[in-house]
């Protein structure tokens, strides 16, 4: 596959001060929507697949679909494992051709998080693959991991420095008040904490759980070092809302192309909105 390491995409974003979406792929239509939007906006692209999405689609099918689309695009594209839960999960993706993996050991104590992350970094860097890790825990659910308000912990700036230095990770996902899934109230981002982390850490920062966060807040975070912004729920909601609308208008409709097509188009428009909000439009090379 003609993929680029995610680190290259984030380095250029860091140099020029914009953000790039880490957009989750869950099926064929979502991949089509993301690619179409990025093509129209001329944006670099990070295609993210969680372990749950890989299980749902099948690893070989994921690779086959991505390979097929890359034959017809000149965009810089990274294929990224989102929230990889183990060394083995990361290695499976690397062996299949992923150009970036995330090892998420944030549920473990600090030293164990470092140990697991370092192990993945050493193996991935040996073959030119980017590694993302997470420090601090986000409220909400991502696949089979659930974090409640009580359990959630913000990223400590000093721990972030030590974590990056000891692991050699390429980018760091920080917990500053965002959440996975649908927000129950308005998200409140801790910009003072983000500013402190950015001043101390010299790698690009990642914002998870950006669906539902106002674009103005995301843009403010980009100004404070966030370079990768993960979006999934917003796209799923746009897709599903259009799907329901089409089926409500014609309850007798049974051809999946007739309802998945409009839903895909709605998702494409939402992806384009995010690309423009993050400032990566026109940044493909």
C-alpha atoms as a PDB file:
ATOM      1  CA  UNK A   1       0.000   0.000   0.000  1.00  0.00           C
ATOM      2  CA  UNK A   2       1.137   3.527  -0.741  1.00  0.00           C
ATOM      3  CA  UNK A   3       0.779   4.778   2.826  1.00  0.00           C
ATOM      4  CA  UNK A   4       2.832   7.337   4.733  1.00  0.00           C
ATOM      5  CA  UNK A   5       3.779   7.179   8.425  1.00  0.00           C
ATOM      6  CA  UNK A   6       1.350   9.260  10.458  1.00  0.00           C
ATOM      7  CA  UNK A   7       4.343  11.064  11.968  1.00  0.00           C
ATOM      8  CA  UNK A   8       5.013  12.706   8.571  1.00  0.00           C
ATOM      9  CA  UNK A   9       1.457  14.033   8.401  1.00  0.00           C
ATOM     10  CA  UNK A  10       1.587  15.348  11.967  1.00  0.00           C
ATOM     11  CA  UNK A  11       5.039  16.882  11.572  1.00  0.00           C
ATOM     12  CA  UNK A  12       3.854  19.004   8.646  1.00  0.00           C
ATOM     13  CA  UNK A  13       0.725  19.951  10.585  1.00  0.00           C
ATOM     14  CA  UNK A  14       2.895  20.950  13.544  1.00  0.00           C
ATOM     15  CA  UNK A  15       5.162  23.073  11.389  1.00  0.00           C
ATOM     16  CA  UNK A  16       2.228  24.889   9.802  1.00  0.00           C
ATOM     17  CA  UNK A  17      -0.095  25.016  12.807  1.00  0.00           C
ATOM     18  CA  UNK A  18      -3.186  23.066  11.735  1.00  0.00           C
ATOM     19  CA  UNK A  19      -4.918  19.864  12.802  1.00  0.00           C
ATOM     20  CA  UNK A  20      -5.640  16.643  10.928  1.00  0.00           C
ATOM     21  CA  UNK A  21      -8.642  14.454  11.598  1.00  0.00           C
ATOM     22  CA  UNK A  22      -8.242  10.874  12.710  1.00  0.00           C
ATOM     23  CA  UNK A  23     -11.461   9.622  11.106  1.00  0.00           C
ATOM     24  CA  UNK A  24     -12.826   6.208  12.044  1.00  0.00           C
ATOM     25  CA  UNK A  25     -13.687   3.693   9.349  1.00  0.00           C
ATOM     26  CA  UNK A  26     -16.468   1.274  10.295  1.00  0.00           C
ATOM     27  CA  UNK A  27     -17.708  -0.021   6.933  1.00  0.00           C
ATOM     28  CA  UNK A  28     -17.409   0.543   3.181  1.00  0.00           C
ATOM     29  CA  UNK A  29     -19.681   3.590   3.160  1.00  0.00           C
ATOM     30  CA  UNK A  30     -17.738   5.352   5.903  1.00  0.00           C
ATOM     31  CA  UNK A  31     -14.480   4.781   4.035  1.00  0.00           C
ATOM     32  CA  UNK A  32     -16.028   6.093   0.824  1.00  0.00           C
ATOM     33  CA  UNK A  33     -17.331   9.189   2.619  1.00  0.00           C
ATOM     34  CA  UNK A  34     -13.997   9.978   4.272  1.00  0.00           C
ATOM     35  CA  UNK A  35     -11.968   9.505   1.085  1.00  0.00           C
ATOM     36  CA  UNK A  36     -14.413  11.545  -1.006  1.00  0.00           C
ATOM     37  CA  UNK A  37     -14.374  14.419   1.481  1.00  0.00           C
ATOM     38  CA  UNK A  38     -10.580  14.446   1.715  1.00  0.00           C
ATOM     39  CA  UNK A  39     -10.271  14.400  -2.075  1.00  0.00           C
ATOM     40  CA  UNK A  40     -12.634  17.333  -2.454  1.00  0.00           C
ATOM     41  CA  UNK A  41     -10.903  19.300   0.297  1.00  0.00           C
ATOM     42  CA  UNK A  42      -7.371  18.244  -0.733  1.00  0.00           C
ATOM     43  CA  UNK A  43      -6.558  17.198   2.804  1.00  0.00           C
ATOM     44  CA  UNK A  44      -4.039  14.719   4.209  1.00  0.00           C
ATOM     45  CA  UNK A  45      -5.853  11.832   5.789  1.00  0.00           C
ATOM     46  CA  UNK A  46      -5.609   9.553   8.801  1.00  0.00           C
ATOM     47  CA  UNK A  47      -7.858   6.506   8.453  1.00  0.00           C
ATOM     48  CA  UNK A  48      -8.455   4.999  11.877  1.00  0.00           C
ATOM     49  CA  UNK A  49      -9.776   1.541  12.655  1.00  0.00           C
ATOM     50  CA  UNK A  50     -10.486   0.326  16.168  1.00  0.00           C
ATOM     51  CA  UNK A  51     -10.058  -3.311  17.120  1.00  0.00           C
ATOM     52  CA  UNK A  52     -13.844  -3.570  17.184  1.00  0.00           C
ATOM     53  CA  UNK A  53     -14.137  -2.205  13.654  1.00  0.00           C
ATOM     54  CA  UNK A  54     -11.438  -4.584  12.429  1.00  0.00           C
ATOM     55  CA  UNK A  55     -13.302  -7.501  13.984  1.00  0.00           C
ATOM     56  CA  UNK A  56     -16.555  -6.336  12.389  1.00  0.00           C
ATOM     57  CA  UNK A  57     -15.133  -5.854   8.880  1.00  0.00           C
ATOM     58  CA  UNK A  58     -12.330  -8.409   8.899  1.00  0.00           C
ATOM     59  CA  UNK A  59      -8.682  -7.402   8.692  1.00  0.00           C
ATOM     60  CA  UNK A  60      -8.196  -8.606   5.117  1.00  0.00           C
ATOM     61  CA  UNK A  61     -11.294  -6.713   4.009  1.00  0.00           C
ATOM     62  CA  UNK A  62     -10.026  -3.518   5.657  1.00  0.00           C
ATOM     63  CA  UNK A  63      -6.697  -3.854   3.878  1.00  0.00           C
ATOM     64  CA  UNK A  64      -8.365  -4.712   0.567  1.00  0.00           C
ATOM     65  CA  UNK A  65     -10.685  -1.703   0.686  1.00  0.00           C
ATOM     66  CA  UNK A  66      -7.919   0.721   1.619  1.00  0.00           C
ATOM     67  CA  UNK A  67      -5.608  -0.666  -1.059  1.00  0.00           C
ATOM     68  CA  UNK A  68      -8.361  -0.255  -3.631  1.00  0.00           C
ATOM     69  CA  UNK A  69      -8.942   3.390  -2.771  1.00  0.00           C
ATOM     70  CA  UNK A  70      -5.234   4.235  -2.627  1.00  0.00           C
ATOM     71  CA  UNK A  71      -4.861   3.209  -6.276  1.00  0.00           C
ATOM     72  CA  UNK A  72      -6.954   6.212  -7.211  1.00  0.00           C
ATOM     73  CA  UNK A  73      -5.717   8.937  -4.879  1.00  0.00           C
ATOM     74  CA  UNK A  74      -2.547  10.986  -4.538  1.00  0.00           C
ATOM     75  CA  UNK A  75      -3.406  12.141  -1.026  1.00  0.00           C
ATOM     76  CA  UNK A  76      -0.957  11.430   1.791  1.00  0.00           C
ATOM     77  CA  UNK A  77      -2.789   8.736   3.773  1.00  0.00           C
ATOM     78  CA  UNK A  78      -1.916   6.971   7.021  1.00  0.00           C
ATOM     79  CA  UNK A  79      -3.721   3.814   8.127  1.00  0.00           C
ATOM     80  CA  UNK A  80      -3.893   3.839  11.914  1.00  0.00           C
ATOM     81  CA  UNK A  81      -4.884   1.360  14.618  1.00  0.00           C
ATOM     82  CA  UNK A  82      -7.041   3.282  17.100  1.00  0.00           C
ATOM     83  CA  UNK A  83      -6.911   2.251  20.773  1.00  0.00           C
ATOM     84  CA  UNK A  84      -4.870  -0.887  20.300  1.00  0.00           C
ATOM     85  CA  UNK A  85      -5.144  -2.785  23.549  1.00  0.00           C
ATOM     86  CA  UNK A  86      -2.030  -4.942  23.363  1.00  0.00           C
ATOM     87  CA  UNK A  87       1.369  -5.509  21.775  1.00  0.00           C
ATOM     88  CA  UNK A  88      -0.098  -8.374  19.746  1.00  0.00           C
ATOM     89  CA  UNK A  89      -2.897  -6.207  18.353  1.00  0.00           C
ATOM     90  CA  UNK A  90      -0.382  -3.582  17.240  1.00  0.00           C
ATOM     91  CA  UNK A  91       1.912  -6.181  15.653  1.00  0.00           C
ATOM     92  CA  UNK A  92      -0.947  -7.765  13.694  1.00  0.00           C
ATOM     93  CA  UNK A  93      -1.727  -4.399  12.126  1.00  0.00           C
ATOM     94  CA  UNK A  94       1.924  -3.643  11.398  1.00  0.00           C
ATOM     95  CA  UNK A  95       2.373  -7.007   9.693  1.00  0.00           C
ATOM     96  CA  UNK A  96      -0.653  -6.252   7.511  1.00  0.00           C
ATOM     97  CA  UNK A  97       0.795  -2.909   6.384  1.00  0.00           C
ATOM     98  CA  UNK A  98      -0.570  -0.275   8.786  1.00  0.00           C
ATOM     99  CA  UNK A  99       1.625   2.830   8.857  1.00  0.00           C
ATOM    100  CA  UNK A 100       0.620   3.837  12.377  1.00  0.00           C
ATOM    101  CA  UNK A 101      -0.598   2.163  15.556  1.00  0.00           C
ATOM    102  CA  UNK A 102      -1.875   3.296  18.915  1.00  0.00           C
ATOM    103  CA  UNK A 103      -1.067   1.369  22.041  1.00  0.00           C
ATOM    104  CA  UNK A 104      -3.560   2.380  24.703  1.00  0.00           C
ATOM    105  CA  UNK A 105      -2.319   1.167  28.074  1.00  0.00           C
ATOM    106  CA  UNK A 106      -3.774   4.179  29.874  1.00  0.00           C
ATOM    107  CA  UNK A 107      -5.962   1.964  32.065  1.00  0.00           C
ATOM    108  CA  UNK A 108      -2.805   0.579  33.672  1.00  0.00           C
ATOM    109  CA  UNK A 109      -0.591   2.242  36.292  1.00  0.00           C
ATOM    110  CA  UNK A 110       1.950   4.747  34.981  1.00  0.00           C
ATOM    111  CA  UNK A 111       4.948   2.380  34.956  1.00  0.00           C
ATOM    112  CA  UNK A 112       2.998  -0.380  33.205  1.00  0.00           C
ATOM    113  CA  UNK A 113       1.751   2.123  30.617  1.00  0.00           C
ATOM    114  CA  UNK A 114       5.351   3.120  29.941  1.00  0.00           C
ATOM    115  CA  UNK A 115       6.528  -0.495  29.690  1.00  0.00           C
ATOM    116  CA  UNK A 116       3.816  -1.557  27.237  1.00  0.00           C
ATOM    117  CA  UNK A 117       4.192   1.579  25.138  1.00  0.00           C
ATOM    118  CA  UNK A 118       7.984   1.283  24.969  1.00  0.00           C
ATOM    119  CA  UNK A 119       7.727  -2.306  23.780  1.00  0.00           C
ATOM    120  CA  UNK A 120       5.457  -1.283  20.892  1.00  0.00           C
ATOM    121  CA  UNK A 121       7.601   1.747  20.029  1.00  0.00           C
ATOM    122  CA  UNK A 122      10.758  -0.343  19.744  1.00  0.00           C
ATOM    123  CA  UNK A 123       9.129  -2.851  17.400  1.00  0.00           C
ATOM    124  CA  UNK A 124       7.202  -0.305  15.327  1.00  0.00           C
ATOM    125  CA  UNK A 125      10.074   2.121  14.845  1.00  0.00           C
ATOM    126  CA  UNK A 126      12.247  -0.714  13.564  1.00  0.00           C
ATOM    127  CA  UNK A 127       9.990  -0.843  10.487  1.00  0.00           C
ATOM    128  CA  UNK A 128       9.163   2.871  10.196  1.00  0.00           C
ATOM    129  CA  UNK A 129       5.713   2.770  11.779  1.00  0.00           C
ATOM    130  CA  UNK A 130       4.376   5.665  13.881  1.00  0.00           C
ATOM    131  CA  UNK A 131       3.215   5.065  17.456  1.00  0.00           C
ATOM    132  CA  UNK A 132       0.576   6.982  19.410  1.00  0.00           C
ATOM    133  CA  UNK A 133      -0.048   6.400  23.112  1.00  0.00           C
ATOM    134  CA  UNK A 134      -2.402   7.803  25.725  1.00  0.00           C
ATOM    135  CA  UNK A 135      -1.816   9.228  29.178  1.00  0.00           C
ATOM    136  CA  UNK A 136      -4.863   9.911  31.328  1.00  0.00           C
ATOM    137  CA  UNK A 137      -8.291   8.379  30.732  1.00  0.00           C
ATOM    138  CA  UNK A 138     -11.322   9.712  28.863  1.00  0.00           C
ATOM    139  CA  UNK A 139     -14.859   9.446  30.186  1.00  0.00           C
ATOM    140  CA  UNK A 140     -17.142   7.204  28.111  1.00  0.00           C
ATOM    141  CA  UNK A 141     -16.861   4.018  26.083  1.00  0.00           C
ATOM    142  CA  UNK A 142     -14.565   2.958  23.243  1.00  0.00           C
ATOM    143  CA  UNK A 143     -15.202  -0.612  22.099  1.00  0.00           C
ATOM    144  CA  UNK A 144     -15.118  -2.643  25.334  1.00  0.00           C
ATOM    145  CA  UNK A 145     -13.378  -0.062  27.563  1.00  0.00           C
ATOM    146  CA  UNK A 146     -15.633   2.114  29.720  1.00  0.00           C
ATOM    147  CA  UNK A 147     -14.475   4.977  31.931  1.00  0.00           C
ATOM    148  CA  UNK A 148     -16.849   6.674  34.349  1.00  0.00           C
ATOM    149  CA  UNK A 149     -16.666  10.233  35.709  1.00  0.00           C
ATOM    150  CA  UNK A 150     -15.251   8.890  38.945  1.00  0.00           C
ATOM    151  CA  UNK A 151     -12.497   6.898  37.225  1.00  0.00           C
ATOM    152  CA  UNK A 152     -11.501   9.540  34.724  1.00  0.00           C
ATOM    153  CA  UNK A 153      -8.133  11.229  35.247  1.00  0.00           C
ATOM    154  CA  UNK A 154      -6.664  14.219  33.477  1.00  0.00           C
ATOM    155  CA  UNK A 155      -3.164  14.045  31.995  1.00  0.00           C
ATOM    156  CA  UNK A 156      -0.486  15.366  34.344  1.00  0.00           C
ATOM    157  CA  UNK A 157       1.941  17.687  32.466  1.00  0.00           C
ATOM    158  CA  UNK A 158       5.022  16.480  34.352  1.00  0.00           C
ATOM    159  CA  UNK A 159       4.094  12.832  33.861  1.00  0.00           C
ATOM    160  CA  UNK A 160       3.610  13.588  30.161  1.00  0.00           C
ATOM    161  CA  UNK A 161       7.215  14.784  29.912  1.00  0.00           C
ATOM    162  CA  UNK A 162       8.552  11.649  31.584  1.00  0.00           C
ATOM    163  CA  UNK A 163       6.267   9.400  29.547  1.00  0.00           C
ATOM    164  CA  UNK A 164       7.393  10.813  26.192  1.00  0.00           C
ATOM    165  CA  UNK A 165      11.066  10.769  27.134  1.00  0.00           C
ATOM    166  CA  UNK A 166      11.036   7.195  28.396  1.00  0.00           C
ATOM    167  CA  UNK A 167       8.889   5.670  25.646  1.00  0.00           C
ATOM    168  CA  UNK A 168      10.009   7.578  22.532  1.00  0.00           C
ATOM    169  CA  UNK A 169       6.391   7.758  21.377  1.00  0.00           C
ATOM    170  CA  UNK A 170       5.675   9.879  18.275  1.00  0.00           C
ATOM    171  CA  UNK A 171       2.491  11.567  19.497  1.00  0.00           C
ATOM    172  CA  UNK A 172       0.531  11.648  22.719  1.00  0.00           C
ATOM    173  CA  UNK A 173      -3.218  11.524  23.331  1.00  0.00           C
ATOM    174  CA  UNK A 174      -4.034  13.701  26.324  1.00  0.00           C
ATOM    175  CA  UNK A 175      -7.073  13.728  28.612  1.00  0.00           C
ATOM    176  CA  UNK A 176      -8.240  17.329  29.073  1.00  0.00           C
ATOM    177  CA  UNK A 177     -11.987  16.925  29.475  1.00  0.00           C
ATOM    178  CA  UNK A 178     -13.254  15.262  26.304  1.00  0.00           C
ATOM    179  CA  UNK A 179     -15.184  11.989  26.247  1.00  0.00           C
ATOM    180  CA  UNK A 180     -15.907   9.061  23.973  1.00  0.00           C
ATOM    181  CA  UNK A 181     -19.432   8.691  22.660  1.00  0.00           C
ATOM    182  CA  UNK A 182     -22.314  11.142  23.108  1.00  0.00           C
ATOM    183  CA  UNK A 183     -21.896  13.911  25.675  1.00  0.00           C
ATOM    184  CA  UNK A 184     -24.497  14.143  28.441  1.00  0.00           C
ATOM    185  CA  UNK A 185     -23.699  17.843  28.926  1.00  0.00           C
ATOM    186  CA  UNK A 186     -21.480  20.454  27.356  1.00  0.00           C
ATOM    187  CA  UNK A 187     -17.808  19.377  27.291  1.00  0.00           C
ATOM    188  CA  UNK A 188     -15.455  21.591  29.257  1.00  0.00           C
ATOM    189  CA  UNK A 189     -11.872  21.421  28.063  1.00  0.00           C
ATOM    190  CA  UNK A 190      -9.044  22.236  30.474  1.00  0.00           C
ATOM    191  CA  UNK A 191      -7.072  24.615  28.255  1.00  0.00           C
ATOM    192  CA  UNK A 192      -4.685  25.589  31.044  1.00  0.00           C
ATOM    193  CA  UNK A 193      -3.692  21.948  31.384  1.00  0.00           C
ATOM    194  CA  UNK A 194      -3.297  21.595  27.612  1.00  0.00           C
ATOM    195  CA  UNK A 195      -1.143  24.720  27.467  1.00  0.00           C
ATOM    196  CA  UNK A 196       1.094  23.372  30.225  1.00  0.00           C
ATOM    197  CA  UNK A 197       1.463  19.995  28.497  1.00  0.00           C
ATOM    198  CA  UNK A 198       2.268  21.617  25.161  1.00  0.00           C
ATOM    199  CA  UNK A 199       4.939  23.822  26.733  1.00  0.00           C
ATOM    200  CA  UNK A 200       6.642  20.816  28.297  1.00  0.00           C
ATOM    201  CA  UNK A 201       6.252  18.104  25.641  1.00  0.00           C
ATOM    202  CA  UNK A 202       7.890  18.218  22.212  1.00  0.00           C
ATOM    203  CA  UNK A 203       5.686  15.758  20.287  1.00  0.00           C
ATOM    204  CA  UNK A 204       2.364  16.432  18.535  1.00  0.00           C
ATOM    205  CA  UNK A 205      -0.651  16.074  20.815  1.00  0.00           C
ATOM    206  CA  UNK A 206      -3.853  14.181  20.080  1.00  0.00           C
ATOM    207  CA  UNK A 207      -7.425  15.025  21.098  1.00  0.00           C
ATOM    208  CA  UNK A 208      -9.710  12.023  21.444  1.00  0.00           C
ATOM    209  CA  UNK A 209     -13.475  12.268  21.808  1.00  0.00           C
ATOM    210  CA  UNK A 210     -13.803  15.401  19.675  1.00  0.00           C
ATOM    211  CA  UNK A 211     -17.318  14.589  18.444  1.00  0.00           C
ATOM    212  CA  UNK A 212     -19.686  17.055  20.092  1.00  0.00           C
ATOM    213  CA  UNK A 213     -16.929  19.505  21.024  1.00  0.00           C
ATOM    214  CA  UNK A 214     -17.612  22.950  19.502  1.00  0.00           C
ATOM    215  CA  UNK A 215     -15.361  23.763  16.557  1.00  0.00           C
ATOM    216  CA  UNK A 216     -14.217  26.911  18.346  1.00  0.00           C
ATOM    217  CA  UNK A 217     -12.888  24.829  21.246  1.00  0.00           C
ATOM    218  CA  UNK A 218     -11.174  22.383  18.889  1.00  0.00           C
ATOM    219  CA  UNK A 219      -9.593  25.288  17.019  1.00  0.00           C
ATOM    220  CA  UNK A 220      -8.396  26.755  20.308  1.00  0.00           C
ATOM    221  CA  UNK A 221      -6.843  23.404  21.194  1.00  0.00           C
ATOM    222  CA  UNK A 222      -5.108  23.297  17.808  1.00  0.00           C
ATOM    223  CA  UNK A 223      -3.533  26.605  18.742  1.00  0.00           C
ATOM    224  CA  UNK A 224      -2.161  24.874  21.846  1.00  0.00           C
ATOM    225  CA  UNK A 225      -0.483  21.928  20.140  1.00  0.00           C
ATOM    226  CA  UNK A 226      -3.271  19.510  19.229  1.00  0.00           C
ATOM    227  CA  UNK A 227      -2.407  18.115  15.803  1.00  0.00           C
ATOM    228  CA  UNK A 228      -4.626  15.025  15.493  1.00  0.00           C
ATOM    229  CA  UNK A 229      -8.319  15.195  16.292  1.00  0.00           C
ATOM    230  CA  UNK A 230     -10.299  11.958  16.540  1.00  0.00           C
ATOM    231  CA  UNK A 231     -13.866  11.987  15.221  1.00  0.00           C
ATOM    232  CA  UNK A 232     -16.267   9.058  15.002  1.00  0.00           C
ATOM    233  CA  UNK A 233     -19.614   9.668  16.732  1.00  0.00           C
ATOM    234  CA  UNK A 234     -20.397  12.841  14.750  1.00  0.00           C
ATOM    235  CA  UNK A 235     -20.075  10.888  11.520  1.00  0.00           C
ATOM    236  CA  UNK A 236     -22.111   7.941  12.752  1.00  0.00           C
ATOM    237  CA  UNK A 237     -24.880  10.305  13.822  1.00  0.00           C
ATOM    238  CA  UNK A 238     -24.924  12.104  10.463  1.00  0.00           C
ATOM    239  CA  UNK A 239     -25.057   8.782   8.613  1.00  0.00           C
ATOM    240  CA  UNK A 240     -27.802   7.336  10.802  1.00  0.00           C
ATOM    241  CA  UNK A 241     -29.947  10.479  10.841  1.00  0.00           C
ATOM    242  CA  UNK A 242     -30.070  10.538   7.045  1.00  0.00           C
ATOM    243  CA  UNK A 243     -30.719   6.810   6.916  1.00  0.00           C
ATOM    244  CA  UNK A 244     -33.716   7.188   9.220  1.00  0.00           C
ATOM    245  CA  UNK A 245     -35.005  10.128   7.194  1.00  0.00           C
ATOM    246  CA  UNK A 246     -34.858   8.213   3.915  1.00  0.00           C
ATOM    247  CA  UNK A 247     -36.568   5.133   5.369  1.00  0.00           C
ATOM    248  CA  UNK A 248     -39.238   7.256   7.041  1.00  0.00           C
ATOM    249  CA  UNK A 249     -40.015   8.910   3.707  1.00  0.00           C
ATOM    250  CA  UNK A 250     -40.290   5.543   1.976  1.00  0.00           C
ATOM    251  CA  UNK A 251     -41.020   2.658   4.393  1.00  0.00           C
ATOM    252  CA  UNK A 252     -41.204   0.221   1.474  1.00  0.00           C
ATOM    253  CA  UNK A 253     -37.601   0.901   0.433  1.00  0.00           C
ATOM    254  CA  UNK A 254     -35.470  -2.253   0.547  1.00  0.00           C
ATOM    255  CA  UNK A 255     -32.462  -1.631  -1.731  1.00  0.00           C
ATOM    256  CA  UNK A 256     -29.469  -0.800   0.535  1.00  0.00           C
ATOM    257  CA  UNK A 257     -27.998   1.399  -2.193  1.00  0.00           C
ATOM    258  CA  UNK A 258     -31.057   3.637  -2.030  1.00  0.00           C
ATOM    259  CA  UNK A 259     -30.655   4.424   1.653  1.00  0.00           C
ATOM    260  CA  UNK A 260     -26.935   3.889   2.265  1.00  0.00           C
ATOM    261  CA  UNK A 261     -26.067   6.202  -0.648  1.00  0.00           C
ATOM    262  CA  UNK A 262     -27.790   9.297   0.792  1.00  0.00           C
ATOM    263  CA  UNK A 263     -26.467   8.430   4.268  1.00  0.00           C
ATOM    264  CA  UNK A 264     -22.950   8.236   2.861  1.00  0.00           C
ATOM    265  CA  UNK A 265     -23.400  11.642   1.218  1.00  0.00           C
ATOM    266  CA  UNK A 266     -24.533  13.147   4.525  1.00  0.00           C
ATOM    267  CA  UNK A 267     -21.440  11.756   6.195  1.00  0.00           C
ATOM    268  CA  UNK A 268     -19.239  13.126   3.413  1.00  0.00           C
ATOM    269  CA  UNK A 269     -20.535  16.634   4.090  1.00  0.00           C
ATOM    270  CA  UNK A 270     -19.875  16.244   7.820  1.00  0.00           C
ATOM    271  CA  UNK A 271     -16.314  15.065   7.154  1.00  0.00           C
ATOM    272  CA  UNK A 272     -15.728  18.082   4.917  1.00  0.00           C
ATOM    273  CA  UNK A 273     -16.963  20.358   7.694  1.00  0.00           C
ATOM    274  CA  UNK A 274     -14.452  18.868  10.109  1.00  0.00           C
ATOM    275  CA  UNK A 275     -11.577  19.081   7.639  1.00  0.00           C
ATOM    276  CA  UNK A 276     -12.238  22.780   7.131  1.00  0.00           C
ATOM    277  CA  UNK A 277     -12.660  23.385  10.857  1.00  0.00           C
ATOM    278  CA  UNK A 278      -9.329  21.700  11.603  1.00  0.00           C
ATOM    279  CA  UNK A 279      -7.546  23.660   8.872  1.00  0.00           C
ATOM    280  CA  UNK A 280      -6.165  20.722   6.883  1.00  0.00           C
ATOM    281  CA  UNK A 281      -8.032  21.626   3.681  1.00  0.00           C
ATOM    282  CA  UNK A 282      -5.594  22.380   0.880  1.00  0.00           C
ATOM    283  CA  UNK A 283      -2.690  20.873   2.845  1.00  0.00           C
ATOM    284  CA  UNK A 284      -2.210  17.672   0.846  1.00  0.00           C
ATOM    285  CA  UNK A 285       1.174  17.351  -0.834  1.00  0.00           C
END
